[in-house]
Amino acid sequence: MHKPSKARTISPSGGEVALSPQAKSQVEMLIREGRRYLDGEALAAWYGVSRATVAWWRHTGYGPLGVRCGRHVRYPIENVIAFDEQLRAQAEAER
């Protein structure tokens, strides 16, 4: 089983990942509905990337930590928000 490293990088290019207004709206709706987890498709929409990219991130230990629910991987909203904060902090430190 692959364990992600605790030290993470921003992205392969070193840039900050920008959230689209549509993705923010979608996740805010999920939170209001009481959903605590995102699936791979919702996480891909959040970052504006493909599901294959999300799968690669998970394989390499990059991105928010996910939890396995049977054969599915779910991403707790709290982990997604914490990862976003980490991205912003690292981007600010690089300025």
PDB file of N, CA and C in Angstrom:
ATOM      1  N   MET A   1       0.844  -1.179   0.000  1.00  0.00           N
ATOM      2  CA  MET A   1       0.000   0.000   0.000  1.00  0.00           C
ATOM      3  C   MET A   1       0.886   1.238   0.000  1.00  0.00           C
ATOM      4  N   HIS A   2       0.585   2.161  -0.873  1.00  0.00           N
ATOM      5  CA  HIS A   2       1.351   3.402  -0.979  1.00  0.00           C
ATOM      6  C   HIS A   2       0.923   4.376   0.103  1.00  0.00           C
ATOM      7  N   LYS A   3       1.884   4.888   0.865  1.00  0.00           N
ATOM      8  CA  LYS A   3       1.582   5.899   1.862  1.00  0.00           C
ATOM      9  C   LYS A   3       2.102   7.233   1.352  1.00  0.00           C
ATOM     10  N   PRO A   4       1.244   8.260   1.264  1.00  0.00           N
ATOM     11  CA  PRO A   4       1.702   9.545   0.779  1.00  0.00           C
ATOM     12  C   PRO A   4       2.686  10.170   1.749  1.00  0.00           C
ATOM     13  N   SER A   5       3.621  10.912   1.198  1.00  0.00           N
ATOM     14  CA  SER A   5       4.600  11.588   2.043  1.00  0.00           C
ATOM     15  C   SER A   5       3.934  12.764   2.741  1.00  0.00           C
ATOM     16  N   LYS A   6       4.487  13.145   3.873  1.00  0.00           N
ATOM     17  CA  LYS A   6       3.931  14.275   4.600  1.00  0.00           C
ATOM     18  C   LYS A   6       4.322  15.590   3.943  1.00  0.00           C
ATOM     19  N   ALA A   7       5.495  15.636   3.343  1.00  0.00           N
ATOM     20  CA  ALA A   7       5.922  16.848   2.648  1.00  0.00           C
ATOM     21  C   ALA A   7       5.337  16.820   1.245  1.00  0.00           C
ATOM     22  N   ARG A   8       4.642  17.865   0.901  1.00  0.00           N
ATOM     23  CA  ARG A   8       4.004  17.920  -0.407  1.00  0.00           C
ATOM     24  C   ARG A   8       4.453  19.169  -1.136  1.00  0.00           C
ATOM     25  N   THR A   9       4.396  19.077  -2.436  1.00  0.00           N
ATOM     26  CA  THR A   9       4.742  20.231  -3.253  1.00  0.00           C
ATOM     27  C   THR A   9       3.472  20.873  -3.772  1.00  0.00           C
ATOM     28  N   ILE A  10       3.616  22.083  -4.290  1.00  0.00           N
ATOM     29  CA  ILE A  10       2.459  22.798  -4.825  1.00  0.00           C
ATOM     30  C   ILE A  10       1.930  22.103  -6.068  1.00  0.00           C
ATOM     31  N   SER A  11       2.724  22.004  -7.069  1.00  0.00           N
ATOM     32  CA  SER A  11       2.351  21.328  -8.306  1.00  0.00           C
ATOM     33  C   SER A  11       3.631  21.068  -9.073  1.00  0.00           C
ATOM     34  N   PRO A  12       3.582  20.257 -10.102  1.00  0.00           N
ATOM     35  CA  PRO A  12       4.802  20.019 -10.866  1.00  0.00           C
ATOM     36  C   PRO A  12       5.434  21.303 -11.395  1.00  0.00           C
ATOM     37  N   SER A  13       4.617  22.306 -11.722  1.00  0.00           N
ATOM     38  CA  SER A  13       5.163  23.565 -12.231  1.00  0.00           C
ATOM     39  C   SER A  13       5.466  24.558 -11.123  1.00  0.00           C
ATOM     40  N   GLY A  14       5.074  24.247  -9.894  1.00  0.00           N
ATOM     41  CA  GLY A  14       5.339  25.130  -8.765  1.00  0.00           C
ATOM     42  C   GLY A  14       4.306  26.219  -8.582  1.00  0.00           C
ATOM     43  N   GLY A  15       3.259  26.257  -9.403  1.00  0.00           N
ATOM     44  CA  GLY A  15       2.255  27.313  -9.316  1.00  0.00           C
ATOM     45  C   GLY A  15       1.096  26.946  -8.413  1.00  0.00           C
ATOM     46  N   GLU A  16       0.356  27.954  -8.024  1.00  0.00           N
ATOM     47  CA  GLU A  16      -0.819  27.741  -7.185  1.00  0.00           C
ATOM     48  C   GLU A  16      -1.980  27.273  -8.053  1.00  0.00           C
ATOM     49  N   VAL A  17      -2.770  26.375  -7.523  1.00  0.00           N
ATOM     50  CA  VAL A  17      -3.945  25.883  -8.233  1.00  0.00           C
ATOM     51  C   VAL A  17      -5.096  26.838  -7.949  1.00  0.00           C
ATOM     52  N   ALA A  18      -5.673  27.417  -8.997  1.00  0.00           N
ATOM     53  CA  ALA A  18      -6.785  28.352  -8.835  1.00  0.00           C
ATOM     54  C   ALA A  18      -8.106  27.595  -8.877  1.00  0.00           C
ATOM     55  N   LEU A  19      -9.028  27.984  -8.014  1.00  0.00           N
ATOM     56  CA  LEU A  19     -10.337  27.348  -7.983  1.00  0.00           C
ATOM     57  C   LEU A  19     -11.299  28.141  -8.854  1.00  0.00           C
ATOM     58  N   SER A  20     -12.035  27.446  -9.679  1.00  0.00           N
ATOM     59  CA  SER A  20     -13.021  28.121 -10.518  1.00  0.00           C
ATOM     60  C   SER A  20     -14.237  28.479  -9.674  1.00  0.00           C
ATOM     61  N   PRO A  21     -14.925  29.560 -10.020  1.00  0.00           N
ATOM     62  CA  PRO A  21     -16.144  29.917  -9.280  1.00  0.00           C
ATOM     63  C   PRO A  21     -17.178  28.791  -9.301  1.00  0.00           C
ATOM     64  N   GLN A  22     -17.266  28.071 -10.406  1.00  0.00           N
ATOM     65  CA  GLN A  22     -18.219  26.969 -10.516  1.00  0.00           C
ATOM     66  C   GLN A  22     -17.881  25.859  -9.516  1.00  0.00           C
ATOM     67  N   ALA A  23     -16.597  25.533  -9.389  1.00  0.00           N
ATOM     68  CA  ALA A  23     -16.187  24.486  -8.453  1.00  0.00           C
ATOM     69  C   ALA A  23     -16.449  24.911  -7.015  1.00  0.00           C
ATOM     70  N   LYS A  24     -16.135  26.175  -6.697  1.00  0.00           N
ATOM     71  CA  LYS A  24     -16.395  26.675  -5.349  1.00  0.00           C
ATOM     72  C   LYS A  24     -17.881  26.581  -5.025  1.00  0.00           C
ATOM     73  N   SER A  25     -18.705  26.982  -5.981  1.00  0.00           N
ATOM     74  CA  SER A  25     -20.150  26.939  -5.789  1.00  0.00           C
ATOM     75  C   SER A  25     -20.629  25.512  -5.562  1.00  0.00           C
ATOM     76  N   GLN A  26     -20.083  24.585  -6.330  1.00  0.00           N
ATOM     77  CA  GLN A  26     -20.473  23.178  -6.205  1.00  0.00           C
ATOM     78  C   GLN A  26     -20.135  22.641  -4.822  1.00  0.00           C
ATOM     79  N   VAL A  27     -18.942  22.937  -4.343  1.00  0.00           N
ATOM     80  CA  VAL A  27     -18.534  22.417  -3.038  1.00  0.00           C
ATOM     81  C   VAL A  27     -19.311  23.095  -1.918  1.00  0.00           C
ATOM     82  N   GLU A  28     -19.559  24.408  -2.048  1.00  0.00           N
ATOM     83  CA  GLU A  28     -20.366  25.087  -1.035  1.00  0.00           C
ATOM     84  C   GLU A  28     -21.753  24.449  -0.947  1.00  0.00           C
ATOM     85  N   MET A  29     -22.309  24.079  -2.104  1.00  0.00           N
ATOM     86  CA  MET A  29     -23.607  23.415  -2.126  1.00  0.00           C
ATOM     87  C   MET A  29     -23.527  22.061  -1.409  1.00  0.00           C
ATOM     88  N   LEU A  30     -22.449  21.320  -1.656  1.00  0.00           N
ATOM     89  CA  LEU A  30     -22.277  20.022  -1.003  1.00  0.00           C
ATOM     90  C   LEU A  30     -22.214  20.175   0.509  1.00  0.00           C
ATOM     91  N   ILE A  31     -21.513  21.198   0.967  1.00  0.00           N
ATOM     92  CA  ILE A  31     -21.399  21.433   2.406  1.00  0.00           C
ATOM     93  C   ILE A  31     -22.769  21.774   2.988  1.00  0.00           C
ATOM     94  N   ARG A  32     -23.516  22.649   2.297  1.00  0.00           N
ATOM     95  CA  ARG A  32     -24.859  23.009   2.777  1.00  0.00           C
ATOM     96  C   ARG A  32     -25.770  21.787   2.839  1.00  0.00           C
ATOM     97  N   GLU A  33     -25.590  20.871   1.903  1.00  0.00           N
ATOM     98  CA  GLU A  33     -26.404  19.654   1.880  1.00  0.00           C
ATOM     99  C   GLU A  33     -25.961  18.645   2.931  1.00  0.00           C
ATOM    100  N   GLY A  34     -24.877  18.934   3.622  1.00  0.00           N
ATOM    101  CA  GLY A  34     -24.403  18.042   4.665  1.00  0.00           C
ATOM    102  C   GLY A  34     -23.464  16.954   4.183  1.00  0.00           C
ATOM    103  N   ARG A  35     -23.035  17.029   2.925  1.00  0.00           N
ATOM    104  CA  ARG A  35     -22.088  16.028   2.425  1.00  0.00           C
ATOM    105  C   ARG A  35     -20.700  16.388   2.921  1.00  0.00           C
ATOM    106  N   ARG A  36     -20.025  15.423   3.482  1.00  0.00           N
ATOM    107  CA  ARG A  36     -18.715  15.670   4.069  1.00  0.00           C
ATOM    108  C   ARG A  36     -17.574  15.221   3.186  1.00  0.00           C
ATOM    109  N   TYR A  37     -17.860  14.529   2.087  1.00  0.00           N
ATOM    110  CA  TYR A  37     -16.812  13.964   1.243  1.00  0.00           C
ATOM    111  C   TYR A  37     -17.027  14.332  -0.221  1.00  0.00           C
ATOM    112  N   LEU A  38     -15.914  14.436  -0.953  1.00  0.00           N
ATOM    113  CA  LEU A  38     -15.947  14.586  -2.405  1.00  0.00           C
ATOM    114  C   LEU A  38     -15.447  13.289  -3.011  1.00  0.00           C
ATOM    115  N   ASP A  39     -16.016  12.905  -4.134  1.00  0.00           N
ATOM    116  CA  ASP A  39     -15.458  11.771  -4.866  1.00  0.00           C
ATOM    117  C   ASP A  39     -14.417  12.309  -5.848  1.00  0.00           C
ATOM    118  N   GLY A  40     -13.792  11.421  -6.583  1.00  0.00           N
ATOM    119  CA  GLY A  40     -12.741  11.835  -7.507  1.00  0.00           C
ATOM    120  C   GLY A  40     -13.224  12.806  -8.563  1.00  0.00           C
ATOM    121  N   GLU A  41     -14.453  12.619  -9.037  1.00  0.00           N
ATOM    122  CA  GLU A  41     -15.010  13.504 -10.058  1.00  0.00           C
ATOM    123  C   GLU A  41     -15.222  14.917  -9.513  1.00  0.00           C
ATOM    124  N   ALA A  42     -15.764  15.016  -8.296  1.00  0.00           N
ATOM    125  CA  ALA A  42     -15.980  16.325  -7.685  1.00  0.00           C
ATOM    126  C   ALA A  42     -14.649  17.004  -7.368  1.00  0.00           C
ATOM    127  N   LEU A  43     -13.657  16.224  -6.930  1.00  0.00           N
ATOM    128  CA  LEU A  43     -12.341  16.803  -6.657  1.00  0.00           C
ATOM    129  C   LEU A  43     -11.707  17.322  -7.948  1.00  0.00           C
ATOM    130  N   ALA A  44     -11.863  16.583  -9.036  1.00  0.00           N
ATOM    131  CA  ALA A  44     -11.345  17.030 -10.332  1.00  0.00           C
ATOM    132  C   ALA A  44     -12.021  18.335 -10.747  1.00  0.00           C
ATOM    133  N   ALA A  45     -13.333  18.441 -10.543  1.00  0.00           N
ATOM    134  CA  ALA A  45     -14.050  19.670 -10.875  1.00  0.00           C
ATOM    135  C   ALA A  45     -13.572  20.828 -10.003  1.00  0.00           C
ATOM    136  N   TRP A  46     -13.313  20.552  -8.732  1.00  0.00           N
ATOM    137  CA  TRP A  46     -12.840  21.570  -7.791  1.00  0.00           C
ATOM    138  C   TRP A  46     -11.553  22.218  -8.308  1.00  0.00           C
ATOM    139  N   TYR A  47     -10.619  21.401  -8.793  1.00  0.00           N
ATOM    140  CA  TYR A  47      -9.330  21.917  -9.255  1.00  0.00           C
ATOM    141  C   TYR A  47      -9.274  22.168 -10.755  1.00  0.00           C
ATOM    142  N   GLY A  48     -10.318  21.815 -11.472  1.00  0.00           N
ATOM    143  CA  GLY A  48     -10.325  22.038 -12.912  1.00  0.00           C
ATOM    144  C   GLY A  48      -9.360  21.134 -13.656  1.00  0.00           C
ATOM    145  N   VAL A  49      -9.240  19.899 -13.187  1.00  0.00           N
ATOM    146  CA  VAL A  49      -8.349  18.917 -13.817  1.00  0.00           C
ATOM    147  C   VAL A  49      -9.163  17.669 -14.144  1.00  0.00           C
ATOM    148  N   SER A  50      -8.546  16.730 -14.837  1.00  0.00           N
ATOM    149  CA  SER A  50      -9.236  15.486 -15.176  1.00  0.00           C
ATOM    150  C   SER A  50      -9.216  14.508 -13.997  1.00  0.00           C
ATOM    151  N   ARG A  51     -10.085  13.509 -14.078  1.00  0.00           N
ATOM    152  CA  ARG A  51     -10.080  12.459 -13.052  1.00  0.00           C
ATOM    153  C   ARG A  51      -8.771  11.685 -13.087  1.00  0.00           C
ATOM    154  N   ALA A  52      -8.180  11.561 -14.275  1.00  0.00           N
ATOM    155  CA  ALA A  52      -6.886  10.875 -14.384  1.00  0.00           C
ATOM    156  C   ALA A  52      -5.809  11.637 -13.614  1.00  0.00           C
ATOM    157  N   THR A  53      -5.876  12.964 -13.644  1.00  0.00           N
ATOM    158  CA  THR A  53      -4.913  13.768 -12.888  1.00  0.00           C
ATOM    159  C   THR A  53      -5.088  13.531 -11.397  1.00  0.00           C
ATOM    160  N   VAL A  54      -6.324  13.482 -10.929  1.00  0.00           N
ATOM    161  CA  VAL A  54      -6.592  13.209  -9.512  1.00  0.00           C
ATOM    162  C   VAL A  54      -6.044  11.837  -9.132  1.00  0.00           C
ATOM    163  N   ALA A  55      -6.237  10.851 -10.001  1.00  0.00           N
ATOM    164  CA  ALA A  55      -5.709   9.506  -9.736  1.00  0.00           C
ATOM    165  C   ALA A  55      -4.188   9.530  -9.678  1.00  0.00           C
ATOM    166  N   TRP A  56      -3.560  10.290 -10.559  1.00  0.00           N
ATOM    167  CA  TRP A  56      -2.091  10.404 -10.547  1.00  0.00           C
ATOM    168  C   TRP A  56      -1.619  11.084  -9.269  1.00  0.00           C
ATOM    169  N   TRP A  57      -2.295  12.158  -8.867  1.00  0.00           N
ATOM    170  CA  TRP A  57      -1.942  12.831  -7.620  1.00  0.00           C
ATOM    171  C   TRP A  57      -1.985  11.838  -6.469  1.00  0.00           C
ATOM    172  N   ARG A  58      -3.039  11.052  -6.399  1.00  0.00           N
ATOM    173  CA  ARG A  58      -3.166  10.084  -5.302  1.00  0.00           C
ATOM    174  C   ARG A  58      -2.032   9.069  -5.362  1.00  0.00           C
ATOM    175  N   HIS A  59      -1.704   8.611  -6.547  1.00  0.00           N
ATOM    176  CA  HIS A  59      -0.628   7.635  -6.732  1.00  0.00           C
ATOM    177  C   HIS A  59       0.717   8.192  -6.266  1.00  0.00           C
ATOM    178  N   THR A  60       0.961   9.479  -6.515  1.00  0.00           N
ATOM    179  CA  THR A  60       2.248  10.089  -6.171  1.00  0.00           C
ATOM    180  C   THR A  60       2.267  10.723  -4.783  1.00  0.00           C
ATOM    181  N   GLY A  61       1.122  10.732  -4.078  1.00  0.00           N
ATOM    182  CA  GLY A  61       1.082  11.314  -2.741  1.00  0.00           C
ATOM    183  C   GLY A  61       0.848  12.804  -2.729  1.00  0.00           C
ATOM    184  N   TYR A  62       0.451  13.365  -3.861  1.00  0.00           N
ATOM    185  CA  TYR A  62       0.167  14.795  -3.963  1.00  0.00           C
ATOM    186  C   TYR A  62      -1.334  15.006  -3.791  1.00  0.00           C
ATOM    187  N   GLY A  63      -1.715  16.155  -3.323  1.00  0.00           N
ATOM    188  CA  GLY A  63      -3.135  16.484  -3.220  1.00  0.00           C
ATOM    189  C   GLY A  63      -3.686  16.208  -1.835  1.00  0.00           C
ATOM    190  N   PRO A  64      -4.972  16.480  -1.654  1.00  0.00           N
ATOM    191  CA  PRO A  64      -5.579  16.242  -0.342  1.00  0.00           C
ATOM    192  C   PRO A  64      -5.630  14.749  -0.031  1.00  0.00           C
ATOM    193  N   LEU A  65      -5.514  14.433   1.235  1.00  0.00           N
ATOM    194  CA  LEU A  65      -5.574  13.032   1.645  1.00  0.00           C
ATOM    195  C   LEU A  65      -6.982  12.488   1.452  1.00  0.00           C
ATOM    196  N   GLY A  66      -7.050  11.324   0.857  1.00  0.00           N
ATOM    197  CA  GLY A  66      -8.330  10.658   0.657  1.00  0.00           C
ATOM    198  C   GLY A  66      -8.453   9.475   1.595  1.00  0.00           C
ATOM    199  N   VAL A  67      -9.666   9.009   1.755  1.00  0.00           N
ATOM    200  CA  VAL A  67      -9.918   7.817   2.559  1.00  0.00           C
ATOM    201  C   VAL A  67     -10.612   6.785   1.684  1.00  0.00           C
ATOM    202  N   ARG A  68     -10.254   5.543   1.895  1.00  0.00           N
ATOM    203  CA  ARG A  68     -10.840   4.469   1.105  1.00  0.00           C
ATOM    204  C   ARG A  68     -12.123   4.002   1.789  1.00  0.00           C
ATOM    205  N   CYS A  69     -13.187   3.947   1.008  1.00  0.00           N
ATOM    206  CA  CYS A  69     -14.484   3.425   1.459  1.00  0.00           C
ATOM    207  C   CYS A  69     -14.802   2.252   0.552  1.00  0.00           C
ATOM    208  N   GLY A  70     -14.422   1.060   0.976  1.00  0.00           N
ATOM    209  CA  GLY A  70     -14.545  -0.099   0.093  1.00  0.00           C
ATOM    210  C   GLY A  70     -13.556   0.049  -1.049  1.00  0.00           C
ATOM    211  N   ARG A  71     -14.051   0.011  -2.263  1.00  0.00           N
ATOM    212  CA  ARG A  71     -13.150   0.174  -3.404  1.00  0.00           C
ATOM    213  C   ARG A  71     -13.086   1.612  -3.899  1.00  0.00           C
ATOM    214  N   HIS A  72     -13.831   2.500  -3.240  1.00  0.00           N
ATOM    215  CA  HIS A  72     -13.885   3.901  -3.644  1.00  0.00           C
ATOM    216  C   HIS A  72     -12.989   4.756  -2.760  1.00  0.00           C
ATOM    217  N   VAL A  73     -12.507   5.851  -3.317  1.00  0.00           N
ATOM    218  CA  VAL A  73     -11.734   6.821  -2.542  1.00  0.00           C
ATOM    219  C   VAL A  73     -12.587   8.077  -2.408  1.00  0.00           C
ATOM    220  N   ARG A  74     -12.689   8.574  -1.207  1.00  0.00           N
ATOM    221  CA  ARG A  74     -13.428   9.803  -0.929  1.00  0.00           C
ATOM    222  C   ARG A  74     -12.471  10.788  -0.275  1.00  0.00           C
ATOM    223  N   TYR A  75     -12.720  12.070  -0.520  1.00  0.00           N
ATOM    224  CA  TYR A  75     -11.859  13.127  -0.004  1.00  0.00           C
ATOM    225  C   TYR A  75     -12.668  13.988   0.957  1.00  0.00           C
ATOM    226  N   PRO A  76     -12.362  13.917   2.266  1.00  0.00           N
ATOM    227  CA  PRO A  76     -13.084  14.750   3.223  1.00  0.00           C
ATOM    228  C   PRO A  76     -12.925  16.230   2.865  1.00  0.00           C
ATOM    229  N   ILE A  77     -14.028  16.967   2.925  1.00  0.00           N
ATOM    230  CA  ILE A  77     -14.006  18.395   2.604  1.00  0.00           C
ATOM    231  C   ILE A  77     -12.927  19.095   3.426  1.00  0.00           C
ATOM    232  N   GLU A  78     -12.779  18.708   4.697  1.00  0.00           N
ATOM    233  CA  GLU A  78     -11.784  19.339   5.566  1.00  0.00           C
ATOM    234  C   GLU A  78     -10.377  19.165   5.001  1.00  0.00           C
ATOM    235  N   ASN A  79     -10.083  17.988   4.437  1.00  0.00           N
ATOM    236  CA  ASN A  79      -8.761  17.749   3.856  1.00  0.00           C
ATOM    237  C   ASN A  79      -8.547  18.580   2.601  1.00  0.00           C
ATOM    238  N   VAL A  80      -9.603  18.754   1.810  1.00  0.00           N
ATOM    239  CA  VAL A  80      -9.501  19.564   0.594  1.00  0.00           C
ATOM    240  C   VAL A  80      -9.217  21.016   0.968  1.00  0.00           C
ATOM    241  N   ILE A  81      -9.948  21.537   1.943  1.00  0.00           N
ATOM    242  CA  ILE A  81      -9.746  22.921   2.375  1.00  0.00           C
ATOM    243  C   ILE A  81      -8.363  23.090   2.986  1.00  0.00           C
ATOM    244  N   ALA A  82      -7.914  22.133   3.797  1.00  0.00           N
ATOM    245  CA  ALA A  82      -6.575  22.207   4.393  1.00  0.00           C
ATOM    246  C   ALA A  82      -5.500  22.197   3.311  1.00  0.00           C
ATOM    247  N   PHE A  83      -5.688  21.389   2.266  1.00  0.00           N
ATOM    248  CA  PHE A  83      -4.720  21.351   1.180  1.00  0.00           C
ATOM    249  C   PHE A  83      -4.704  22.682   0.437  1.00  0.00           C
ATOM    250  N   ASP A  84      -5.876  23.282   0.220  1.00  0.00           N
ATOM    251  CA  ASP A  84      -5.937  24.598  -0.420  1.00  0.00           C
ATOM    252  C   ASP A  84      -5.169  25.635   0.396  1.00  0.00           C
ATOM    253  N   GLU A  85      -5.341  25.600   1.709  1.00  0.00           N
ATOM    254  CA  GLU A  85      -4.630  26.540   2.576  1.00  0.00           C
ATOM    255  C   GLU A  85      -3.125  26.316   2.494  1.00  0.00           C
ATOM    256  N   GLN A  86      -2.717  25.060   2.413  1.00  0.00           N
ATOM    257  CA  GLN A  86      -1.298  24.739   2.265  1.00  0.00           C
ATOM    258  C   GLN A  86      -0.765  25.293   0.944  1.00  0.00           C
ATOM    259  N   LEU A  87      -1.545  25.158  -0.123  1.00  0.00           N
ATOM    260  CA  LEU A  87      -1.136  25.694  -1.421  1.00  0.00           C
ATOM    261  C   LEU A  87      -0.947  27.204  -1.359  1.00  0.00           C
ATOM    262  N   ARG A  88      -1.912  27.884  -0.751  1.00  0.00           N
ATOM    263  CA  ARG A  88      -1.827  29.345  -0.649  1.00  0.00           C
ATOM    264  C   ARG A  88      -0.629  29.774   0.190  1.00  0.00           C
ATOM    265  N   ALA A  89      -0.410  29.109   1.318  1.00  0.00           N
ATOM    266  CA  ALA A  89       0.710  29.468   2.189  1.00  0.00           C
ATOM    267  C   ALA A  89       2.042  29.265   1.481  1.00  0.00           C
ATOM    268  N   GLN A  90       2.171  28.158   0.764  1.00  0.00           N
ATOM    269  CA  GLN A  90       3.419  27.900   0.056  1.00  0.00           C
ATOM    270  C   GLN A  90       3.615  28.891  -1.083  1.00  0.00           C
ATOM    271  N   ALA A  91       2.532  29.249  -1.770  1.00  0.00           N
ATOM    272  CA  ALA A  91       2.635  30.233  -2.854  1.00  0.00           C
ATOM    273  C   ALA A  91       3.049  31.592  -2.304  1.00  0.00           C
ATOM    274  N   GLU A  92       2.488  31.972  -1.150  1.00  0.00           N
ATOM    275  CA  GLU A  92       2.861  33.241  -0.517  1.00  0.00           C
ATOM    276  C   GLU A  92       4.327  33.229  -0.105  1.00  0.00           C
ATOM    277  N   ALA A  93       4.797  32.111   0.412  1.00  0.00           N
ATOM    278  CA  ALA A  93       6.189  32.005   0.854  1.00  0.00           C
ATOM    279  C   ALA A  93       7.160  32.091  -0.318  1.00  0.00           C
ATOM    280  N   GLU A  94       6.706  31.685  -1.499  1.00  0.00           N
ATOM    281  CA  GLU A  94       7.576  31.705  -2.677  1.00  0.00           C
ATOM    282  C   GLU A  94       7.660  33.080  -3.319  1.00  0.00           C
ATOM    283  N   ARG A  95       6.807  34.000  -2.915  1.00  0.00           N
ATOM    284  CA  ARG A  95       6.818  35.340  -3.516  1.00  0.00           C
ATOM    285  C   ARG A  95       7.977  36.139  -3.056  1.00  0.00           C
TER     286      ARG A  95
END
